C-alpha atoms as a PDB file:
ATOM      1  CA  MET A   1      65.611  35.663  -7.998  1.00  0.00           C
ATOM      2  CA  ALA A   2      67.746  34.915 -11.230  1.00  0.00           C
ATOM      3  CA  ASP A   3      64.378  35.444 -13.061  1.00  0.00           C
ATOM      4  CA  ARG A   4      63.590  38.880 -11.359  1.00  0.00           C
ATOM      5  CA  LEU A   5      67.229  40.035 -12.228  1.00  0.00           C
ATOM      6  CA  ILE A   6      67.032  39.459 -15.638  1.00  0.00           C
ATOM      7  CA  ARG A   7      63.736  41.023 -16.055  1.00  0.00           C
ATOM      8  CA  ALA A   8      64.466  44.026 -14.215  1.00  0.00           C
ATOM      9  CA  THR A   9      67.694  44.773 -16.361  1.00  0.00           C
ATOM     10  CA  THR A  10      66.023  43.644 -19.682  1.00  0.00           C
ATOM     11  CA  ALA A  11      63.232  46.048 -18.675  1.00  0.00           C
ATOM     12  CA  LEU A  12      65.937  48.823 -17.710  1.00  0.00           C
ATOM     13  CA  ALA A  13      67.756  48.094 -21.035  1.00  0.00           C
ATOM     14  CA  VAL A  14      64.451  48.349 -23.308  1.00  0.00           C
ATOM     15  CA  LEU A  15      63.549  51.535 -21.406  1.00  0.00           C
ATOM     16  CA  THR A  16      66.865  53.283 -22.040  1.00  0.00           C
ATOM     17  CA  VAL A  17      66.523  52.698 -25.457  1.00  0.00           C
ATOM     18  CA  ALA A  18      63.064  53.405 -25.983  1.00  0.00           C
ATOM     19  CA  ALA A  19      63.643  56.941 -24.358  1.00  0.00           C
ATOM     20  CA  VAL A  20      66.867  57.669 -26.424  1.00  0.00           C
ATOM     21  CA  ALA A  21      64.777  56.613 -29.552  1.00  0.00           C
ATOM     22  CA  ALA A  22      61.948  58.579 -28.566  1.00  0.00           C
ATOM     23  CA  VAL A  23      63.894  61.969 -28.358  1.00  0.00           C
ATOM     24  CA  ILE A  24      65.874  61.304 -31.502  1.00  0.00           C
ATOM     25  CA  SER A  25      62.597  60.503 -33.513  1.00  0.00           C
ATOM     26  CA  TYR A  26      60.770  62.899 -32.297  1.00  0.00           C
ATOM     27  CA  GLN A  27      63.252  66.023 -33.111  1.00  0.00           C
ATOM     28  CA  HIS A  28      63.474  64.185 -36.541  1.00  0.00           C
ATOM     29  CA  ALA A  29      59.967  64.768 -36.741  1.00  0.00           C
ATOM     30  CA  TYR A  30      59.580  68.193 -35.549  1.00  0.00           C
ATOM     31  CA  GLU A  31      62.067  69.405 -37.868  1.00  0.00           C
ATOM     32  CA  LEU A  32      60.481  67.871 -40.671  1.00  0.00           C
ATOM     33  CA  VAL A  33      57.118  69.223 -39.776  1.00  0.00           C
ATOM     34  CA  SER A  34      58.430  72.567 -39.139  1.00  0.00           C
ATOM     35  CA  THR A  35      60.029  72.904 -42.678  1.00  0.00           C
ATOM     36  CA  HIS A  36      56.542  71.772 -44.213  1.00  0.00           C
ATOM     37  CA  GLY A  37      54.417  74.515 -42.940  1.00  0.00           C
ATOM     38  CA  GLU A  38      53.690  73.992 -39.344  1.00  0.00           C
ATOM     39  CA  VAL A  39      54.817  76.468 -36.469  1.00  0.00           C
ATOM     40  CA  GLY A  40      54.599  76.891 -32.893  1.00  0.00           C
ATOM     41  CA  ILE A  41      52.903  74.513 -30.577  1.00  0.00           C
ATOM     42  CA  THR A  42      51.542  72.537 -33.612  1.00  0.00           C
ATOM     43  CA  ALA A  43      54.553  71.482 -34.782  1.00  0.00           C
ATOM     44  CA  ARG A  44      55.645  70.284 -30.988  1.00  0.00           C
ATOM     45  CA  LEU A  45      52.226  68.673 -30.568  1.00  0.00           C
ATOM     46  CA  VAL A  46      52.179  66.519 -34.009  1.00  0.00           C
ATOM     47  CA  PRO A  47      55.145  63.952 -33.598  1.00  0.00           C
ATOM     48  CA  PHE A  48      53.637  63.241 -30.191  1.00  0.00           C
ATOM     49  CA  THR A  49      50.731  61.973 -32.024  1.00  0.00           C
ATOM     50  CA  VAL A  50      52.551  59.255 -34.287  1.00  0.00           C
ATOM     51  CA  ASP A  51      54.738  57.848 -31.169  1.00  0.00           C
ATOM     52  CA  GLY A  52      51.329  58.414 -28.901  1.00  0.00           C
ATOM     53  CA  LEU A  53      49.625  56.017 -31.708  1.00  0.00           C
ATOM     54  CA  ILE A  54      51.705  53.420 -31.076  1.00  0.00           C
ATOM     55  CA  TRP A  55      51.629  53.386 -27.297  1.00  0.00           C
ATOM     56  CA  ALA A  56      48.048  53.236 -27.020  1.00  0.00           C
ATOM     57  CA  ALA A  57      47.431  50.912 -30.022  1.00  0.00           C
ATOM     58  CA  SER A  58      50.526  48.598 -27.913  1.00  0.00           C
ATOM     59  CA  MET A  59      48.459  49.217 -24.664  1.00  0.00           C
ATOM     60  CA  VAL A  60      45.371  47.773 -25.875  1.00  0.00           C
ATOM     61  CA  ILE A  61      46.923  44.882 -27.621  1.00  0.00           C
ATOM     62  CA  LEU A  62      48.660  43.961 -24.120  1.00  0.00           C
ATOM     63  CA  ASP A  63      45.034  44.513 -22.413  1.00  0.00           C
ATOM     64  CA  ALA A  64      43.533  42.084 -24.689  1.00  0.00           C
ATOM     65  CA  SER A  65      46.362  39.573 -24.595  1.00  0.00           C
ATOM     66  CA  ARG A  66      45.991  39.550 -20.551  1.00  0.00           C
ATOM     67  CA  ARG A  67      42.534  39.356 -20.779  1.00  0.00           C
ATOM     68  CA  GLU A  68      42.849  36.380 -23.436  1.00  0.00           C
ATOM     69  CA  ARG A  69      40.350  38.102 -25.466  1.00  0.00           C
ATOM     70  CA  PRO A  70      40.819  38.544 -29.517  1.00  0.00           C
ATOM     71  CA  VAL A  71      42.926  41.495 -30.679  1.00  0.00           C
ATOM     72  CA  PRO A  72      40.744  44.506 -31.896  1.00  0.00           C
ATOM     73  CA  SER A  73      41.312  45.314 -35.865  1.00  0.00           C
ATOM     74  CA  LEU A  74      41.290  48.748 -34.525  1.00  0.00           C
ATOM     75  CA  ALA A  75      44.377  48.407 -32.481  1.00  0.00           C
ATOM     76  CA  LYS A  76      46.190  46.227 -34.968  1.00  0.00           C
ATOM     77  CA  GLY A  77      45.451  48.904 -37.787  1.00  0.00           C
ATOM     78  CA  SER A  78      46.238  51.804 -35.566  1.00  0.00           C
ATOM     79  CA  LEU A  79      49.826  50.275 -34.206  1.00  0.00           C
ATOM     80  CA  SER A  80      50.469  49.584 -38.449  1.00  0.00           C
ATOM     81  CA  VAL A  81      49.595  53.063 -39.117  1.00  0.00           C
ATOM     82  CA  GLY A  82      52.036  54.377 -36.331  1.00  0.00           C
ATOM     83  CA  ILE A  83      54.935  52.420 -37.190  1.00  0.00           C
ATOM     84  CA  VAL A  84      54.476  53.376 -41.093  1.00  0.00           C
ATOM     85  CA  ALA A  85      54.267  57.171 -39.619  1.00  0.00           C
ATOM     86  CA  THR A  86      56.957  57.373 -37.531  1.00  0.00           C
ATOM     87  CA  ILE A  87      59.301  55.367 -39.738  1.00  0.00           C
ATOM     88  CA  GLY A  88      58.104  57.602 -43.034  1.00  0.00           C
ATOM     89  CA  ALA A  89      58.907  60.729 -41.094  1.00  0.00           C
ATOM     90  CA  ASN A  90      62.242  59.864 -40.061  1.00  0.00           C
ATOM     91  CA  VAL A  91      63.308  58.546 -43.768  1.00  0.00           C
ATOM     92  CA  ALA A  92      61.913  61.699 -45.054  1.00  0.00           C
ATOM     93  CA  HIS A  93      63.696  64.023 -42.652  1.00  0.00           C
ATOM     94  CA  GLY A  94      67.206  61.954 -44.012  1.00  0.00           C
ATOM     95  CA  MET A  95      66.348  61.767 -47.340  1.00  0.00           C
ATOM     96  CA  SER A  96      68.324  65.146 -48.498  1.00  0.00           C
ATOM     97  CA  HIS A  97      71.731  63.344 -47.291  1.00  0.00           C
ATOM     98  CA  GLY A  98      71.060  60.296 -49.372  1.00  0.00           C
ATOM     99  CA  THR A  99      70.294  57.104 -49.386  1.00  0.00           C
ATOM    100  CA  VAL A 100      72.705  56.289 -45.884  1.00  0.00           C
ATOM    101  CA  GLY A 101      71.526  59.766 -44.753  1.00  0.00           C
ATOM    102  CA  ALA A 102      67.541  58.180 -44.601  1.00  0.00           C
ATOM    103  CA  VAL A 103      68.437  54.849 -43.154  1.00  0.00           C
ATOM    104  CA  VAL A 104      70.693  56.649 -40.235  1.00  0.00           C
ATOM    105  CA  SER A 105      67.593  58.913 -39.847  1.00  0.00           C
ATOM    106  CA  ALA A 106      65.294  55.953 -39.729  1.00  0.00           C
ATOM    107  CA  TRP A 107      66.973  53.954 -37.533  1.00  0.00           C
ATOM    108  CA  PRO A 108      66.136  55.425 -34.174  1.00  0.00           C
ATOM    109  CA  ALA A 109      62.208  55.160 -35.237  1.00  0.00           C
ATOM    110  CA  VAL A 110      63.001  51.572 -35.798  1.00  0.00           C
ATOM    111  CA  ALA A 111      64.678  51.133 -32.486  1.00  0.00           C
ATOM    112  CA  LEU A 112      61.712  52.854 -30.841  1.00  0.00           C
ATOM    113  CA  VAL A 113      59.036  50.477 -32.364  1.00  0.00           C
ATOM    114  CA  GLY A 114      61.387  47.183 -31.467  1.00  0.00           C
ATOM    115  CA  SER A 115      61.504  48.866 -27.864  1.00  0.00           C
ATOM    116  CA  PHE A 116      58.016  49.173 -27.697  1.00  0.00           C
ATOM    117  CA  GLU A 117      57.206  45.806 -28.677  1.00  0.00           C
ATOM    118  CA  LEU A 118      60.028  44.488 -26.689  1.00  0.00           C
ATOM    119  CA  LEU A 119      58.559  46.003 -23.657  1.00  0.00           C
ATOM    120  CA  MET A 120      54.973  44.712 -24.451  1.00  0.00           C
ATOM    121  CA  LEU A 121      56.358  41.355 -24.653  1.00  0.00           C
ATOM    122  CA  LEU A 122      58.284  41.246 -21.316  1.00  0.00           C
ATOM    123  CA  THR A 123      55.078  42.496 -19.832  1.00  0.00           C
ATOM    124  CA  ARG A 124      53.086  39.913 -21.120  1.00  0.00           C
ATOM    125  CA  SER A 125      55.533  37.139 -19.915  1.00  0.00           C
ATOM    126  CA  ALA A 126      55.579  38.401 -16.108  1.00  0.00           C
ATOM    127  CA  THR A 127      51.811  38.783 -16.323  1.00  0.00           C
ATOM    128  CA  THR A 128      51.532  34.943 -17.403  1.00  0.00           C
ATOM    129  CA  SER A 129      54.336  34.080 -14.826  1.00  0.00           C
ATOM    130  CA  ALA A 130      52.427  35.496 -11.947  1.00  0.00           C
ATOM    131  CA  ALA A 131      49.157  34.105 -13.190  1.00  0.00           C
ATOM    132  CA  VAL A 132      50.925  30.595 -13.297  1.00  0.00           C
ATOM    133  CA  GLN A 133      52.407  30.941  -9.591  1.00  0.00           C
ATOM    134  CA  LEU A 134      49.132  32.869  -8.053  1.00  0.00           C
ATOM    135  CA  ALA A 135      46.657  29.604  -9.694  1.00  0.00           C
ATOM    136  CA  PRO A 136      45.547  27.504  -6.783  1.00  0.00           C
ATOM    137  CA  GLU A 137      46.721  23.910  -6.568  1.00  0.00           C
ATOM    138  CA  PRO A 138      43.748  21.070  -7.717  1.00  0.00           C
ATOM    139  CA  ASP A 139      42.234  19.505  -4.390  1.00  0.00           C
ATOM    140  CA  PRO A 140      43.531  16.373  -3.948  1.00  0.00           C
ATOM    141  CA  ALA A 141      41.671  13.491  -4.733  1.00  0.00           C
ATOM    142  CA  PRO A 142      39.473  12.215  -1.313  1.00  0.00           C
ATOM    143  CA  LEU A 143      40.793   9.281   0.172  1.00  0.00           C
ATOM    144  CA  ALA A 144      38.461   5.911  -0.385  1.00  0.00           C
ATOM    145  CA  PRO A 145      37.049   5.067   2.901  1.00  0.00           C
ATOM    146  CA  GLU A 146      39.329   2.372   4.629  1.00  0.00           C
ATOM    147  CA  VAL A 147      37.764  -0.654   4.761  1.00  0.00           C
ATOM    148  CA  PRO A 148      38.633  -2.901   7.731  1.00  0.00           C
ATOM    149  CA  LYS A 149      40.012  -6.222   7.243  1.00  0.00           C
ATOM    150  CA  ARG A 150      38.248  -9.207   8.408  1.00  0.00           C
ATOM    151  CA  VAL A 151      39.508 -11.209  11.030  1.00  0.00           C
ATOM    152  CA  ASP A 152      39.212 -14.972  10.758  1.00  0.00           C
ATOM    153  CA  VAL A 153      38.897 -16.644  13.823  1.00  0.00           C
ATOM    154  CA  ALA A 154      40.248 -19.840  14.204  1.00  0.00           C
ATOM    155  CA  GLN A 155      37.521 -22.723  14.679  1.00  0.00           C
ATOM    156  CA  THR A 156      38.508 -25.364  16.772  1.00  0.00           C
ATOM    157  CA  PRO A 157      37.429 -29.094  15.947  1.00  0.00           C
ATOM    158  CA  GLU A 158      34.783 -29.263  18.362  1.00  0.00           C
ATOM    159  CA  ASP A 159      33.221 -25.801  17.051  1.00  0.00           C
ATOM    160  CA  ALA A 160      33.330 -27.222  13.438  1.00  0.00           C
ATOM    161  CA  ILE A 161      31.742 -30.588  14.717  1.00  0.00           C
ATOM    162  CA  ARG A 162      29.166 -28.514  16.211  1.00  0.00           C
ATOM    163  CA  ALA A 163      28.163 -26.253  13.500  1.00  0.00           C
ATOM    164  CA  ASP A 164      28.215 -29.879  10.917  1.00  0.00           C
ATOM    165  CA  TYR A 165      25.721 -31.380  13.390  1.00  0.00           C
ATOM    166  CA  LEU A 166      23.188 -28.253  13.814  1.00  0.00           C
ATOM    167  CA  ALA A 167      23.259 -27.677   9.787  1.00  0.00           C
ATOM    168  CA  SER A 168      22.255 -31.130   9.320  1.00  0.00           C
ATOM    169  CA  LEU A 169      19.919 -31.046  12.074  1.00  0.00           C
ATOM    170  CA  ASN A 170      18.061 -28.093   9.872  1.00  0.00           C
ATOM    171  CA  GLY A 171      18.453 -29.579   6.849  1.00  0.00           C
ATOM    172  CA  PRO A 172      16.031 -31.937   4.292  1.00  0.00           C
ATOM    173  CA  GLY A 173      17.588 -35.221   5.387  1.00  0.00           C
ATOM    174  CA  ARG A 174      18.557 -36.873   8.472  1.00  0.00           C
ATOM    175  CA  PRO A 175      21.100 -35.587  11.202  1.00  0.00           C
ATOM    176  CA  LEU A 176      24.764 -36.994  10.274  1.00  0.00           C
ATOM    177  CA  SER A 177      25.901 -39.458  12.063  1.00  0.00           C
ATOM    178  CA  GLN A 178      28.886 -39.682  14.726  1.00  0.00           C
ATOM    179  CA  ARG A 179      31.232 -42.186  12.392  1.00  0.00           C
ATOM    180  CA  PHE A 180      30.872 -39.619   9.531  1.00  0.00           C
ATOM    181  CA  LEU A 181      31.797 -36.089  11.875  1.00  0.00           C
ATOM    182  CA  ALA A 182      34.466 -38.469  13.307  1.00  0.00           C
ATOM    183  CA  ASP A 183      36.122 -39.611  10.259  1.00  0.00           C
ATOM    184  CA  LYS A 184      35.870 -36.072   8.758  1.00  0.00           C
ATOM    185  CA  HIS A 185      37.152 -34.338  11.233  1.00  0.00           C
ATOM    186  CA  GLY A 186      39.686 -36.858  12.501  1.00  0.00           C
ATOM    187  CA  ILE A 187      38.700 -37.005  16.076  1.00  0.00           C
ATOM    188  CA  ASP A 188      37.559 -40.410  18.233  1.00  0.00           C
ATOM    189  CA  ARG A 189      33.915 -41.091  17.727  1.00  0.00           C
ATOM    190  CA  ARG A 190      33.905 -41.057  21.655  1.00  0.00           C
ATOM    191  CA  LYS A 191      34.736 -37.478  21.548  1.00  0.00           C
ATOM    192  CA  VAL A 192      32.255 -36.525  18.553  1.00  0.00           C
ATOM    193  CA  LYS A 193      29.207 -38.356  20.904  1.00  0.00           C
ATOM    194  CA  GLN A 194      30.293 -36.416  24.013  1.00  0.00           C
ATOM    195  CA  ILE A 195      29.960 -32.983  21.547  1.00  0.00           C
ATOM    196  CA  ILE A 196      26.515 -33.933  20.699  1.00  0.00           C
ATOM    197  CA  SER A 197      25.472 -35.051  23.835  1.00  0.00           C
ATOM    198  CA  LEU A 198      26.587 -31.640  25.223  1.00  0.00           C
ATOM    199  CA  HIS A 199      24.614 -30.042  22.684  1.00  0.00           C
ATOM    200  CA  SER A 200      21.704 -32.046  22.773  1.00  0.00           C
ATOM    201  CA  GLY A 201      21.522 -31.256  26.591  1.00  0.00           C
ATOM    202  CA  ALA A 202      21.278 -27.798  26.398  1.00  0.00           C
ATOM    203  CA  ALA A 203      19.253 -27.817  23.618  1.00  0.00           C
ATOM    204  CA  ASN A 204      16.678 -29.817  25.740  1.00  0.00           C
ATOM    205  CA  ALA A 205      17.398 -27.575  28.662  1.00  0.00           C
ATOM    206  CA  SER A 206      16.575 -24.581  26.623  1.00  0.00           C
ATOM    207  CA  THR A 207      13.244 -26.351  25.581  1.00  0.00           C
ATOM    208  CA  TYR A 208      12.189 -27.250  29.189  1.00  0.00           C
ATOM    209  CA  HIS A 209      12.656 -23.894  30.682  1.00  0.00           C
ATOM    210  CA  PHE A 210      10.693 -22.576  27.829  1.00  0.00           C
ATOM    211  CA  LEU A 211       7.966 -25.205  28.254  1.00  0.00           C
ATOM    212  CA  GLY A 212       8.276 -25.232  32.453  1.00  0.00           C
ATOM    213  CA  ASN A 213       5.407 -23.032  33.048  1.00  0.00           C
ATOM    214  CA  ALA A 214       3.173 -25.031  30.787  1.00  0.00           C
ATOM    215  CA  PRO A 215       1.094 -27.905  32.446  1.00  0.00           C
ATOM    216  CA  SER A 216       1.578 -31.000  30.708  1.00  0.00           C
ATOM    217  CA  PRO A 217      -1.025 -32.920  28.371  1.00  0.00           C
ATOM    218  CA  ARG A 218      -1.815 -35.709  31.554  1.00  0.00           C
ATOM    219  CA  HIS A 219      -2.081 -32.673  34.071  1.00  0.00           C
ATOM    220  CA  ARG A 220      -4.276 -30.736  31.985  1.00  0.00           C
ATOM    221  CA  ASP A 221      -6.655 -34.124  31.884  1.00  0.00           C
ATOM    222  CA  GLN A 222      -6.554 -33.771  35.677  1.00  0.00           C
ATOM    223  CA  LEU A 223      -7.523 -30.457  35.720  1.00  0.00           C
END
């Protein structure tokens, strides 16, 4: 809110100064043109060509700045020529009253040019602020999929003994002894024997179930 108020009051002040300076500068240029041979509609339109050139060049420079393009050389040259022409015309108008008169007469033209440039600067600042506010925010980086944590299930001594024993059965050496397993896991040897026996019984039952429908070698001989 404060920024808008500042810009609005500044723009109003600049426009007011520019309007007053433009009227005075136009009057000085008109009187100068009238005293040097131009009359009628021509004398009234010539001053407009000077200030109009300044305005047109300023607009081209502003447009190039908004589009982020290089300022055309013609616009820069036209602006310089227009500034020199309007200040020169006002200085020439006041030269008949000496140096002080020339400076006083040139002041409205200087104020007009300064107001033009301040207005352009204010417009560029407002455009830049609006572009920054309307710029889309960058998309947040996608979150990496959360990897489920591995939950370790507590292993009982019986499961540990059974796992060690099964691993030894698949190994190249002999199966682990009951004494070794009892010492390793701190369990009574009889308990180890019971665990291994239960496993061996379950394995034999599975084997019998798998081969239950197949005749034994002796039965095949009898057949």
